[in-house]
Amino acid sequence: MFHLSEHLLLKRCIFIACQLILYWLPVALGADFSGPVVSVLDGDTIEVLRNHHAERIRLNGMDCPEKGQAYGKRAKQAASELVFGKEVTLRTFGKDKYGRTLADVILPDGTNANHMLLK
């Protein structure tokens, strides 16, 4: 049988656990967010400002040539022209093996930048 103090302690622990779950669940699930594009690293990787920190984003479903590969410079240029400096919304899909956030990048007019870059 619980004493009153044990019962209150248990209630507090449950309350704190619920608060932690509610706080971290969106982070763990890769919650969507918006922010300005502050850098374009290559044709399929950008950085978006989130909470005063540049978060590295890998465009979902994209595999562009890297720097130094054929068309790598053109891929980066196309991505820069489309998204650099714009306020975008990210529909996230978790993280890749390098810790980058996987996302569809949605432009202010609702256009999916990932789809536009594939055209």
PDB file of N, CA and C in Angstrom:
ATOM      1  N   MET A   1       0.839  -1.178   0.000  1.00  0.00           N
ATOM      2  CA  MET A   1       0.000   0.000   0.000  1.00  0.00           C
ATOM      3  C   MET A   1       0.887   1.245   0.000  1.00  0.00           C
ATOM      4  N   PHE A   2       0.518   2.223  -0.811  1.00  0.00           N
ATOM      5  CA  PHE A   2       1.287   3.461  -0.927  1.00  0.00           C
ATOM      6  C   PHE A   2       0.971   4.410   0.213  1.00  0.00           C
ATOM      7  N   HIS A   3       2.001   5.055   0.673  1.00  0.00           N
ATOM      8  CA  HIS A   3       1.794   6.177   1.577  1.00  0.00           C
ATOM      9  C   HIS A   3       1.479   7.389   0.725  1.00  0.00           C
ATOM     10  N   LEU A   4       0.934   8.406   1.307  1.00  0.00           N
ATOM     11  CA  LEU A   4       0.556   9.604   0.574  1.00  0.00           C
ATOM     12  C   LEU A   4       1.741  10.215  -0.161  1.00  0.00           C
ATOM     13  N   SER A   5       2.902  10.295   0.465  1.00  0.00           N
ATOM     14  CA  SER A   5       4.075  10.895  -0.179  1.00  0.00           C
ATOM     15  C   SER A   5       4.539  10.059  -1.370  1.00  0.00           C
ATOM     16  N   GLU A   6       4.456   8.729  -1.267  1.00  0.00           N
ATOM     17  CA  GLU A   6       4.826   7.858  -2.389  1.00  0.00           C
ATOM     18  C   GLU A   6       3.853   8.039  -3.546  1.00  0.00           C
ATOM     19  N   HIS A   7       2.594   8.200  -3.216  1.00  0.00           N
ATOM     20  CA  HIS A   7       1.576   8.413  -4.240  1.00  0.00           C
ATOM     21  C   HIS A   7       1.819   9.732  -4.988  1.00  0.00           C
ATOM     22  N   LEU A   8       2.137  10.787  -4.256  1.00  0.00           N
ATOM     23  CA  LEU A   8       2.422  12.082  -4.884  1.00  0.00           C
ATOM     24  C   LEU A   8       3.684  12.014  -5.732  1.00  0.00           C
ATOM     25  N   LEU A   9       4.693  11.308  -5.252  1.00  0.00           N
ATOM     26  CA  LEU A   9       5.925  11.143  -6.012  1.00  0.00           C
ATOM     27  C   LEU A   9       5.650  10.400  -7.315  1.00  0.00           C
ATOM     28  N   LEU A  10       4.857   9.363  -7.257  1.00  0.00           N
ATOM     29  CA  LEU A  10       4.495   8.602  -8.445  1.00  0.00           C
ATOM     30  C   LEU A  10       3.741   9.483  -9.448  1.00  0.00           C
ATOM     31  N   LYS A  11       2.799  10.272  -8.960  1.00  0.00           N
ATOM     32  CA  LYS A  11       2.048  11.174  -9.837  1.00  0.00           C
ATOM     33  C   LYS A  11       2.984  12.183 -10.497  1.00  0.00           C
ATOM     34  N   ARG A  12       3.945  12.722  -9.751  1.00  0.00           N
ATOM     35  CA  ARG A  12       4.905  13.672 -10.315  1.00  0.00           C
ATOM     36  C   ARG A  12       5.761  13.019 -11.393  1.00  0.00           C
ATOM     37  N   CYS A  13       6.226  11.810 -11.123  1.00  0.00           N
ATOM     38  CA  CYS A  13       7.047  11.093 -12.104  1.00  0.00           C
ATOM     39  C   CYS A  13       6.267  10.844 -13.399  1.00  0.00           C
ATOM     40  N   ILE A  14       5.028  10.452 -13.268  1.00  0.00           N
ATOM     41  CA  ILE A  14       4.189  10.229 -14.456  1.00  0.00           C
ATOM     42  C   ILE A  14       3.984  11.536 -15.210  1.00  0.00           C
ATOM     43  N   PHE A  15       3.726  12.604 -14.483  1.00  0.00           N
ATOM     44  CA  PHE A  15       3.538  13.912 -15.102  1.00  0.00           C
ATOM     45  C   PHE A  15       4.797  14.336 -15.867  1.00  0.00           C
ATOM     46  N   ILE A  16       5.955  14.199 -15.252  1.00  0.00           N
ATOM     47  CA  ILE A  16       7.219  14.579 -15.908  1.00  0.00           C
ATOM     48  C   ILE A  16       7.478  13.705 -17.126  1.00  0.00           C
ATOM     49  N   ALA A  17       7.219  12.409 -17.024  1.00  0.00           N
ATOM     50  CA  ALA A  17       7.412  11.500 -18.156  1.00  0.00           C
ATOM     51  C   ALA A  17       6.513  11.903 -19.330  1.00  0.00           C
ATOM     52  N   CYS A  18       5.276  12.248 -19.049  1.00  0.00           N
ATOM     53  CA  CYS A  18       4.351  12.684 -20.114  1.00  0.00           C
ATOM     54  C   CYS A  18       4.843  13.969 -20.767  1.00  0.00           C
ATOM     55  N   GLN A  19       5.329  14.885 -19.954  1.00  0.00           N
ATOM     56  CA  GLN A  19       5.847  16.153 -20.500  1.00  0.00           C
ATOM     57  C   GLN A  19       7.031  15.894 -21.418  1.00  0.00           C
ATOM     58  N   LEU A  20       7.939  15.020 -21.005  1.00  0.00           N
ATOM     59  CA  LEU A  20       9.105  14.704 -21.835  1.00  0.00           C
ATOM     60  C   LEU A  20       8.695  14.049 -23.148  1.00  0.00           C
ATOM     61  N   ILE A  21       7.745  13.143 -23.076  1.00  0.00           N
ATOM     62  CA  ILE A  21       7.269  12.483 -24.294  1.00  0.00           C
ATOM     63  C   ILE A  21       6.643  13.496 -25.235  1.00  0.00           C
ATOM     64  N   LEU A  22       5.796  14.365 -24.714  1.00  0.00           N
ATOM     65  CA  LEU A  22       5.149  15.369 -25.558  1.00  0.00           C
ATOM     66  C   LEU A  22       6.155  16.340 -26.161  1.00  0.00           C
ATOM     67  N   TYR A  23       7.240  16.621 -25.457  1.00  0.00           N
ATOM     68  CA  TYR A  23       8.258  17.538 -25.973  1.00  0.00           C
ATOM     69  C   TYR A  23       9.114  16.862 -27.041  1.00  0.00           C
ATOM     70  N   TRP A  24       9.559  15.631 -26.795  1.00  0.00           N
ATOM     71  CA  TRP A  24      10.523  14.977 -27.690  1.00  0.00           C
ATOM     72  C   TRP A  24       9.887  14.183 -28.823  1.00  0.00           C
ATOM     73  N   LEU A  25       8.636  13.837 -28.745  1.00  0.00           N
ATOM     74  CA  LEU A  25       8.006  13.036 -29.796  1.00  0.00           C
ATOM     75  C   LEU A  25       8.088  13.702 -31.169  1.00  0.00           C
ATOM     76  N   PRO A  26       7.747  14.987 -31.309  1.00  0.00           N
ATOM     77  CA  PRO A  26       7.875  15.605 -32.627  1.00  0.00           C
ATOM     78  C   PRO A  26       9.308  15.610 -33.141  1.00  0.00           C
ATOM     79  N   VAL A  27      10.276  15.766 -32.279  1.00  0.00           N
ATOM     80  CA  VAL A  27      11.679  15.738 -32.691  1.00  0.00           C
ATOM     81  C   VAL A  27      12.036  14.347 -33.190  1.00  0.00           C
ATOM     82  N   ALA A  28      11.642  13.326 -32.460  1.00  0.00           N
ATOM     83  CA  ALA A  28      11.965  11.955 -32.827  1.00  0.00           C
ATOM     84  C   ALA A  28      11.291  11.542 -34.133  1.00  0.00           C
ATOM     85  N   LEU A  29      10.104  12.040 -34.369  1.00  0.00           N
ATOM     86  CA  LEU A  29       9.386  11.686 -35.587  1.00  0.00           C
ATOM     87  C   LEU A  29       9.771  12.555 -36.773  1.00  0.00           C
ATOM     88  N   GLY A  30      10.629  13.529 -36.557  1.00  0.00           N
ATOM     89  CA  GLY A  30      11.032  14.388 -37.658  1.00  0.00           C
ATOM     90  C   GLY A  30       9.953  15.380 -38.015  1.00  0.00           C
ATOM     91  N   ALA A  31       9.509  16.153 -37.064  1.00  0.00           N
ATOM     92  CA  ALA A  31       8.412  17.096 -37.269  1.00  0.00           C
ATOM     93  C   ALA A  31       8.743  18.118 -38.351  1.00  0.00           C
ATOM     94  N   ASP A  32       7.725  18.517 -39.096  1.00  0.00           N
ATOM     95  CA  ASP A  32       7.879  19.527 -40.134  1.00  0.00           C
ATOM     96  C   ASP A  32       8.213  20.871 -39.500  1.00  0.00           C
ATOM     97  N   PHE A  33       8.948  21.698 -40.254  1.00  0.00           N
ATOM     98  CA  PHE A  33       9.250  23.038 -39.781  1.00  0.00           C
ATOM     99  C   PHE A  33       9.535  23.945 -40.962  1.00  0.00           C
ATOM    100  N   SER A  34       9.588  25.240 -40.705  1.00  0.00           N
ATOM    101  CA  SER A  34       9.866  26.240 -41.740  1.00  0.00           C
ATOM    102  C   SER A  34      11.066  27.066 -41.334  1.00  0.00           C
ATOM    103  N   GLY A  35      11.738  27.635 -42.341  1.00  0.00           N
ATOM    104  CA  GLY A  35      12.873  28.514 -42.084  1.00  0.00           C
ATOM    105  C   GLY A  35      13.501  28.952 -43.384  1.00  0.00           C
ATOM    106  N   PRO A  36      14.405  29.925 -43.312  1.00  0.00           N
ATOM    107  CA  PRO A  36      15.076  30.398 -44.522  1.00  0.00           C
ATOM    108  C   PRO A  36      16.218  29.456 -44.928  1.00  0.00           C
ATOM    109  N   VAL A  37      16.394  29.296 -46.233  1.00  0.00           N
ATOM    110  CA  VAL A  37      17.529  28.526 -46.749  1.00  0.00           C
ATOM    111  C   VAL A  37      18.750  29.436 -46.679  1.00  0.00           C
ATOM    112  N   VAL A  38      19.745  29.029 -45.893  1.00  0.00           N
ATOM    113  CA  VAL A  38      20.924  29.867 -45.677  1.00  0.00           C
ATOM    114  C   VAL A  38      22.151  29.366 -46.436  1.00  0.00           C
ATOM    115  N   SER A  39      22.061  28.151 -46.985  1.00  0.00           N
ATOM    116  CA  SER A  39      23.197  27.614 -47.732  1.00  0.00           C
ATOM    117  C   SER A  39      22.719  26.504 -48.662  1.00  0.00           C
ATOM    118  N   VAL A  40      23.369  26.416 -49.826  1.00  0.00           N
ATOM    119  CA  VAL A  40      23.151  25.297 -50.740  1.00  0.00           C
ATOM    120  C   VAL A  40      24.514  24.630 -50.913  1.00  0.00           C
ATOM    121  N   LEU A  41      24.647  23.415 -50.411  1.00  0.00           N
ATOM    122  CA  LEU A  41      25.932  22.727 -50.423  1.00  0.00           C
ATOM    123  C   LEU A  41      26.187  22.024 -51.744  1.00  0.00           C
ATOM    124  N   ASP A  42      25.135  21.446 -52.309  1.00  0.00           N
ATOM    125  CA  ASP A  42      25.197  20.840 -53.637  1.00  0.00           C
ATOM    126  C   ASP A  42      23.766  20.698 -54.137  1.00  0.00           C
ATOM    127  N   GLY A  43      23.552  19.945 -55.184  1.00  0.00           N
ATOM    128  CA  GLY A  43      22.228  19.870 -55.790  1.00  0.00           C
ATOM    129  C   GLY A  43      21.162  19.210 -54.954  1.00  0.00           C
ATOM    130  N   ASP A  44      21.570  18.432 -53.939  1.00  0.00           N
ATOM    131  CA  ASP A  44      20.567  17.740 -53.122  1.00  0.00           C
ATOM    132  C   ASP A  44      20.748  17.947 -51.619  1.00  0.00           C
ATOM    133  N   THR A  45      21.565  18.927 -51.225  1.00  0.00           N
ATOM    134  CA  THR A  45      21.783  19.198 -49.808  1.00  0.00           C
ATOM    135  C   THR A  45      21.793  20.705 -49.559  1.00  0.00           C
ATOM    136  N   ILE A  46      20.942  21.131 -48.631  1.00  0.00           N
ATOM    137  CA  ILE A  46      20.850  22.553 -48.286  1.00  0.00           C
ATOM    138  C   ILE A  46      20.933  22.692 -46.774  1.00  0.00           C
ATOM    139  N   GLU A  47      21.014  23.930 -46.310  1.00  0.00           N
ATOM    140  CA  GLU A  47      20.926  24.202 -44.884  1.00  0.00           C
ATOM    141  C   GLU A  47      19.820  25.220 -44.656  1.00  0.00           C
ATOM    142  N   VAL A  48      18.969  24.913 -43.675  1.00  0.00           N
ATOM    143  CA  VAL A  48      17.834  25.757 -43.329  1.00  0.00           C
ATOM    144  C   VAL A  48      17.981  26.175 -41.865  1.00  0.00           C
ATOM    145  N   LEU A  49      17.756  27.445 -41.612  1.00  0.00           N
ATOM    146  CA  LEU A  49      17.881  27.967 -40.250  1.00  0.00           C
ATOM    147  C   LEU A  49      16.703  27.485 -39.397  1.00  0.00           C
ATOM    148  N   ARG A  50      17.058  26.861 -38.263  1.00  0.00           N
ATOM    149  CA  ARG A  50      16.048  26.366 -37.315  1.00  0.00           C
ATOM    150  C   ARG A  50      16.553  26.648 -35.905  1.00  0.00           C
ATOM    151  N   ASN A  51      15.809  27.453 -35.157  1.00  0.00           N
ATOM    152  CA  ASN A  51      16.208  27.821 -33.795  1.00  0.00           C
ATOM    153  C   ASN A  51      17.627  28.388 -33.763  1.00  0.00           C
ATOM    154  N   HIS A  52      17.909  29.309 -34.665  1.00  0.00           N
ATOM    155  CA  HIS A  52      19.197  30.001 -34.743  1.00  0.00           C
ATOM    156  C   HIS A  52      20.357  29.065 -35.086  1.00  0.00           C
ATOM    157  N   HIS A  53      20.075  27.911 -35.698  1.00  0.00           N
ATOM    158  CA  HIS A  53      21.098  26.932 -36.054  1.00  0.00           C
ATOM    159  C   HIS A  53      20.820  26.435 -37.474  1.00  0.00           C
ATOM    160  N   ALA A  54      21.856  26.367 -38.293  1.00  0.00           N
ATOM    161  CA  ALA A  54      21.694  25.855 -39.659  1.00  0.00           C
ATOM    162  C   ALA A  54      21.595  24.336 -39.614  1.00  0.00           C
ATOM    163  N   GLU A  55      20.430  23.815 -39.992  1.00  0.00           N
ATOM    164  CA  GLU A  55      20.219  22.366 -40.016  1.00  0.00           C
ATOM    165  C   GLU A  55      20.420  21.854 -41.433  1.00  0.00           C
ATOM    166  N   ARG A  56      21.243  20.820 -41.554  1.00  0.00           N
ATOM    167  CA  ARG A  56      21.551  20.245 -42.866  1.00  0.00           C
ATOM    168  C   ARG A  56      20.388  19.362 -43.324  1.00  0.00           C
ATOM    169  N   ILE A  57      19.923  19.629 -44.549  1.00  0.00           N
ATOM    170  CA  ILE A  57      18.751  18.955 -45.115  1.00  0.00           C
ATOM    171  C   ILE A  57      19.152  18.239 -46.391  1.00  0.00           C
ATOM    172  N   ARG A  58      18.821  16.962 -46.481  1.00  0.00           N
ATOM    173  CA  ARG A  58      19.016  16.192 -47.711  1.00  0.00           C
ATOM    174  C   ARG A  58      17.656  16.117 -48.394  1.00  0.00           C
ATOM    175  N   LEU A  59      17.581  16.590 -49.642  1.00  0.00           N
ATOM    176  CA  LEU A  59      16.315  16.589 -50.366  1.00  0.00           C
ATOM    177  C   LEU A  59      15.875  15.146 -50.618  1.00  0.00           C
ATOM    178  N   ASN A  60      14.687  14.824 -50.146  1.00  0.00           N
ATOM    179  CA  ASN A  60      14.141  13.476 -50.245  1.00  0.00           C
ATOM    180  C   ASN A  60      13.983  13.053 -51.703  1.00  0.00           C
ATOM    181  N   GLY A  61      14.431  11.839 -52.022  1.00  0.00           N
ATOM    182  CA  GLY A  61      14.250  11.285 -53.352  1.00  0.00           C
ATOM    183  C   GLY A  61      15.210  11.823 -54.397  1.00  0.00           C
ATOM    184  N   MET A  62      16.232  12.554 -53.973  1.00  0.00           N
ATOM    185  CA  MET A  62      17.176  13.174 -54.914  1.00  0.00           C
ATOM    186  C   MET A  62      18.548  12.520 -54.770  1.00  0.00           C
ATOM    187  N   ASP A  63      19.266  12.430 -55.885  1.00  0.00           N
ATOM    188  CA  ASP A  63      20.664  12.004 -55.869  1.00  0.00           C
ATOM    189  C   ASP A  63      21.366  12.733 -56.997  1.00  0.00           C
ATOM    190  N   CYS A  64      21.839  13.925 -56.678  1.00  0.00           N
ATOM    191  CA  CYS A  64      22.502  14.771 -57.675  1.00  0.00           C
ATOM    192  C   CYS A  64      23.992  14.491 -57.707  1.00  0.00           C
ATOM    193  N   PRO A  65      24.635  14.857 -58.820  1.00  0.00           N
ATOM    194  CA  PRO A  65      26.098  14.734 -58.874  1.00  0.00           C
ATOM    195  C   PRO A  65      26.743  15.598 -57.787  1.00  0.00           C
ATOM    196  N   GLU A  66      27.845  15.102 -57.250  1.00  0.00           N
ATOM    197  CA  GLU A  66      28.576  15.838 -56.221  1.00  0.00           C
ATOM    198  C   GLU A  66      29.515  16.848 -56.881  1.00  0.00           C
ATOM    199  N   LYS A  67      30.074  17.744 -56.058  1.00  0.00           N
ATOM    200  CA  LYS A  67      31.060  18.697 -56.551  1.00  0.00           C
ATOM    201  C   LYS A  67      32.193  17.917 -57.204  1.00  0.00           C
ATOM    202  N   GLY A  68      32.657  18.384 -58.320  1.00  0.00           N
ATOM    203  CA  GLY A  68      33.749  17.710 -59.018  1.00  0.00           C
ATOM    204  C   GLY A  68      33.291  16.652 -60.001  1.00  0.00           C
ATOM    205  N   GLN A  69      32.047  16.189 -59.883  1.00  0.00           N
ATOM    206  CA  GLN A  69      31.505  15.234 -60.843  1.00  0.00           C
ATOM    207  C   GLN A  69      30.842  15.988 -61.990  1.00  0.00           C
ATOM    208  N   ALA A  70      30.654  15.312 -63.111  1.00  0.00           N
ATOM    209  CA  ALA A  70      29.984  15.925 -64.255  1.00  0.00           C
ATOM    210  C   ALA A  70      28.620  16.457 -63.822  1.00  0.00           C
ATOM    211  N   TYR A  71      28.327  17.680 -64.171  1.00  0.00           N
ATOM    212  CA  TYR A  71      27.065  18.374 -63.882  1.00  0.00           C
ATOM    213  C   TYR A  71      26.866  18.720 -62.403  1.00  0.00           C
ATOM    214  N   GLY A  72      27.847  18.474 -61.560  1.00  0.00           N
ATOM    215  CA  GLY A  72      27.722  18.805 -60.141  1.00  0.00           C
ATOM    216  C   GLY A  72      27.539  20.299 -59.915  1.00  0.00           C
ATOM    217  N   LYS A  73      28.310  21.098 -60.649  1.00  0.00           N
ATOM    218  CA  LYS A  73      28.204  22.553 -60.503  1.00  0.00           C
ATOM    219  C   LYS A  73      26.837  23.045 -60.979  1.00  0.00           C
ATOM    220  N   ARG A  74      26.343  22.479 -62.069  1.00  0.00           N
ATOM    221  CA  ARG A  74      25.033  22.864 -62.602  1.00  0.00           C
ATOM    222  C   ARG A  74      23.905  22.453 -61.655  1.00  0.00           C
ATOM    223  N   ALA A  75      24.025  21.291 -61.033  1.00  0.00           N
ATOM    224  CA  ALA A  75      23.005  20.841 -60.073  1.00  0.00           C
ATOM    225  C   ALA A  75      22.938  21.799 -58.886  1.00  0.00           C
ATOM    226  N   LYS A  76      24.109  22.212 -58.377  1.00  0.00           N
ATOM    227  CA  LYS A  76      24.133  23.153 -57.262  1.00  0.00           C
ATOM    228  C   LYS A  76      23.549  24.500 -57.677  1.00  0.00           C
ATOM    229  N   GLN A  77      23.868  24.948 -58.880  1.00  0.00           N
ATOM    230  CA  GLN A  77      23.359  26.224 -59.376  1.00  0.00           C
ATOM    231  C   GLN A  77      21.834  26.194 -59.485  1.00  0.00           C
ATOM    232  N   ALA A  78      21.292  25.099 -60.016  1.00  0.00           N
ATOM    233  CA  ALA A  78      19.832  24.976 -60.162  1.00  0.00           C
ATOM    234  C   ALA A  78      19.147  25.011 -58.797  1.00  0.00           C
ATOM    235  N   ALA A  79      19.706  24.292 -57.832  1.00  0.00           N
ATOM    236  CA  ALA A  79      19.124  24.285 -56.488  1.00  0.00           C
ATOM    237  C   ALA A  79      19.210  25.679 -55.870  1.00  0.00           C
ATOM    238  N   SER A  80      20.347  26.353 -56.045  1.00  0.00           N
ATOM    239  CA  SER A  80      20.523  27.698 -55.485  1.00  0.00           C
ATOM    240  C   SER A  80      19.511  28.678 -56.054  1.00  0.00           C
ATOM    241  N   GLU A  81      19.323  28.649 -57.374  1.00  0.00           N
ATOM    242  CA  GLU A  81      18.373  29.557 -58.013  1.00  0.00           C
ATOM    243  C   GLU A  81      16.954  29.331 -57.521  1.00  0.00           C
ATOM    244  N   LEU A  82      16.634  28.086 -57.190  1.00  0.00           N
ATOM    245  CA  LEU A  82      15.275  27.753 -56.785  1.00  0.00           C
ATOM    246  C   LEU A  82      14.993  28.050 -55.313  1.00  0.00           C
ATOM    247  N   VAL A  83      15.966  27.798 -54.406  1.00  0.00           N
ATOM    248  CA  VAL A  83      15.634  27.858 -52.982  1.00  0.00           C
ATOM    249  C   VAL A  83      16.454  28.836 -52.142  1.00  0.00           C
ATOM    250  N   PHE A  84      17.636  29.232 -52.581  1.00  0.00           N
ATOM    251  CA  PHE A  84      18.501  30.029 -51.700  1.00  0.00           C
ATOM    252  C   PHE A  84      17.832  31.340 -51.280  1.00  0.00           C
ATOM    253  N   GLY A  85      17.859  31.607 -49.961  1.00  0.00           N
ATOM    254  CA  GLY A  85      17.305  32.834 -49.415  1.00  0.00           C
ATOM    255  C   GLY A  85      15.800  32.828 -49.231  1.00  0.00           C
ATOM    256  N   LYS A  86      15.146  31.760 -49.632  1.00  0.00           N
ATOM    257  CA  LYS A  86      13.685  31.693 -49.512  1.00  0.00           C
ATOM    258  C   LYS A  86      13.280  31.040 -48.196  1.00  0.00           C
ATOM    259  N   GLU A  87      12.123  31.452 -47.706  1.00  0.00           N
ATOM    260  CA  GLU A  87      11.508  30.828 -46.536  1.00  0.00           C
ATOM    261  C   GLU A  87      10.798  29.576 -47.038  1.00  0.00           C
ATOM    262  N   VAL A  88      11.242  28.410 -46.607  1.00  0.00           N
ATOM    263  CA  VAL A  88      10.677  27.151 -47.082  1.00  0.00           C
ATOM    264  C   VAL A  88      10.041  26.393 -45.919  1.00  0.00           C
ATOM    265  N   THR A  89       9.150  25.481 -46.268  1.00  0.00           N
ATOM    266  CA  THR A  89       8.579  24.557 -45.297  1.00  0.00           C
ATOM    267  C   THR A  89       9.122  23.185 -45.629  1.00  0.00           C
ATOM    268  N   LEU A  90       9.536  22.461 -44.610  1.00  0.00           N
ATOM    269  CA  LEU A  90      10.101  21.132 -44.808  1.00  0.00           C
ATOM    270  C   LEU A  90       9.132  20.069 -44.318  1.00  0.00           C
ATOM    271  N   ARG A  91       8.833  19.128 -45.191  1.00  0.00           N
ATOM    272  CA  ARG A  91       8.061  17.934 -44.810  1.00  0.00           C
ATOM    273  C   ARG A  91       9.101  16.850 -44.576  1.00  0.00           C
ATOM    274  N   THR A  92       9.339  16.528 -43.346  1.00  0.00           N
ATOM    275  CA  THR A  92      10.475  15.690 -42.994  1.00  0.00           C
ATOM    276  C   THR A  92      10.141  14.206 -42.941  1.00  0.00           C
ATOM    277  N   PHE A  93      11.195  13.403 -43.136  1.00  0.00           N
ATOM    278  CA  PHE A  93      11.069  11.946 -43.161  1.00  0.00           C
ATOM    279  C   PHE A  93      12.165  11.289 -42.330  1.00  0.00           C
ATOM    280  N   GLY A  94      12.576  11.929 -41.249  1.00  0.00           N
ATOM    281  CA  GLY A  94      13.616  11.355 -40.395  1.00  0.00           C
ATOM    282  C   GLY A  94      15.006  11.798 -40.830  1.00  0.00           C
ATOM    283  N   LYS A  95      15.983  10.959 -40.533  1.00  0.00           N
ATOM    284  CA  LYS A  95      17.388  11.281 -40.799  1.00  0.00           C
ATOM    285  C   LYS A  95      18.011  10.225 -41.703  1.00  0.00           C
ATOM    286  N   ASP A  96      19.046  10.644 -42.463  1.00  0.00           N
ATOM    287  CA  ASP A  96      19.805   9.676 -43.249  1.00  0.00           C
ATOM    288  C   ASP A  96      20.975   9.156 -42.423  1.00  0.00           C
ATOM    289  N   LYS A  97      21.794   8.291 -43.002  1.00  0.00           N
ATOM    290  CA  LYS A  97      22.882   7.674 -42.241  1.00  0.00           C
ATOM    291  C   LYS A  97      23.965   8.661 -41.833  1.00  0.00           C
ATOM    292  N   TYR A  98      23.964   9.869 -42.420  1.00  0.00           N
ATOM    293  CA  TYR A  98      24.926  10.901 -42.052  1.00  0.00           C
ATOM    294  C   TYR A  98      24.345  11.917 -41.067  1.00  0.00           C
ATOM    295  N   GLY A  99      23.114  11.701 -40.628  1.00  0.00           N
ATOM    296  CA  GLY A  99      22.487  12.586 -39.655  1.00  0.00           C
ATOM    297  C   GLY A  99      21.776  13.789 -40.255  1.00  0.00           C
ATOM    298  N   ARG A 100      21.697  13.838 -41.585  1.00  0.00           N
ATOM    299  CA  ARG A 100      20.974  14.943 -42.227  1.00  0.00           C
ATOM    300  C   ARG A 100      19.476  14.650 -42.181  1.00  0.00           C
ATOM    301  N   THR A 101      18.686  15.704 -42.040  1.00  0.00           N
ATOM    302  CA  THR A 101      17.236  15.573 -42.074  1.00  0.00           C
ATOM    303  C   THR A 101      16.798  15.342 -43.518  1.00  0.00           C
ATOM    304  N   LEU A 102      16.039  14.289 -43.764  1.00  0.00           N
ATOM    305  CA  LEU A 102      15.470  14.022 -45.091  1.00  0.00           C
ATOM    306  C   LEU A 102      14.159  14.771 -45.208  1.00  0.00           C
ATOM    307  N   ALA A 103      13.977  15.518 -46.308  1.00  0.00           N
ATOM    308  CA  ALA A 103      12.761  16.327 -46.406  1.00  0.00           C
ATOM    309  C   ALA A 103      12.404  16.665 -47.837  1.00  0.00           C
ATOM    310  N   ASP A 104      11.096  16.870 -48.034  1.00  0.00           N
ATOM    311  CA  ASP A 104      10.612  17.556 -49.224  1.00  0.00           C
ATOM    312  C   ASP A 104      10.640  19.037 -48.877  1.00  0.00           C
ATOM    313  N   VAL A 105      11.133  19.848 -49.800  1.00  0.00           N
ATOM    314  CA  VAL A 105      11.256  21.288 -49.584  1.00  0.00           C
ATOM    315  C   VAL A 105      10.113  21.978 -50.320  1.00  0.00           C
ATOM    316  N   ILE A 106       9.262  22.667 -49.568  1.00  0.00           N
ATOM    317  CA  ILE A 106       8.095  23.323 -50.142  1.00  0.00           C
ATOM    318  C   ILE A 106       8.349  24.831 -50.178  1.00  0.00           C
ATOM    319  N   LEU A 107       8.237  25.400 -51.368  1.00  0.00           N
ATOM    320  CA  LEU A 107       8.457  26.832 -51.565  1.00  0.00           C
ATOM    321  C   LEU A 107       7.259  27.636 -51.065  1.00  0.00           C
ATOM    322  N   PRO A 108       7.430  28.954 -50.902  1.00  0.00           N
ATOM    323  CA  PRO A 108       6.328  29.782 -50.384  1.00  0.00           C
ATOM    324  C   PRO A 108       5.028  29.685 -51.194  1.00  0.00           C
ATOM    325  N   ASP A 109       5.136  29.421 -52.501  1.00  0.00           N
ATOM    326  CA  ASP A 109       3.924  29.314 -53.328  1.00  0.00           C
ATOM    327  C   ASP A 109       3.312  27.911 -53.316  1.00  0.00           C
ATOM    328  N   GLY A 110       3.889  27.003 -52.502  1.00  0.00           N
ATOM    329  CA  GLY A 110       3.356  25.645 -52.397  1.00  0.00           C
ATOM    330  C   GLY A 110       4.023  24.645 -53.320  1.00  0.00           C
ATOM    331  N   THR A 111       4.929  25.095 -54.171  1.00  0.00           N
ATOM    332  CA  THR A 111       5.628  24.214 -55.100  1.00  0.00           C
ATOM    333  C   THR A 111       6.618  23.325 -54.355  1.00  0.00           C
ATOM    334  N   ASN A 112       6.680  22.063 -54.732  1.00  0.00           N
ATOM    335  CA  ASN A 112       7.651  21.123 -54.159  1.00  0.00           C
ATOM    336  C   ASN A 112       8.967  21.287 -54.932  1.00  0.00           C
ATOM    337  N   ALA A 113       9.986  21.837 -54.274  1.00  0.00           N
ATOM    338  CA  ALA A 113      11.272  22.095 -54.929  1.00  0.00           C
ATOM    339  C   ALA A 113      11.931  20.802 -55.390  1.00  0.00           C
ATOM    340  N   ASN A 114      11.771  19.724 -54.641  1.00  0.00           N
ATOM    341  CA  ASN A 114      12.347  18.437 -55.043  1.00  0.00           C
ATOM    342  C   ASN A 114      11.839  18.044 -56.432  1.00  0.00           C
ATOM    343  N   HIS A 115      10.533  18.193 -56.635  1.00  0.00           N
ATOM    344  CA  HIS A 115       9.931  17.822 -57.925  1.00  0.00           C
ATOM    345  C   HIS A 115      10.413  18.758 -59.042  1.00  0.00           C
ATOM    346  N   MET A 116      10.520  20.034 -58.729  1.00  0.00           N
ATOM    347  CA  MET A 116      10.977  21.006 -59.731  1.00  0.00           C
ATOM    348  C   MET A 116      12.413  20.716 -60.177  1.00  0.00           C
ATOM    349  N   LEU A 117      13.254  20.312 -59.249  1.00  0.00           N
ATOM    350  CA  LEU A 117      14.644  20.028 -59.598  1.00  0.00           C
ATOM    351  C   LEU A 117      14.787  18.762 -60.435  1.00  0.00           C
ATOM    352  N   LEU A 118      13.826  17.870 -60.355  1.00  0.00           N
ATOM    353  CA  LEU A 118      13.870  16.651 -61.162  1.00  0.00           C
ATOM    354  C   LEU A 118      13.461  16.888 -62.614  1.00  0.00           C
ATOM    355  N   LYS A 119      12.786  18.010 -62.871  1.00  0.00           N
ATOM    356  CA  LYS A 119      12.333  18.288 -64.242  1.00  0.00           C
ATOM    357  C   LYS A 119      13.479  18.679 -65.136  1.00  0.00           C
TER     358      LYS A 119
END
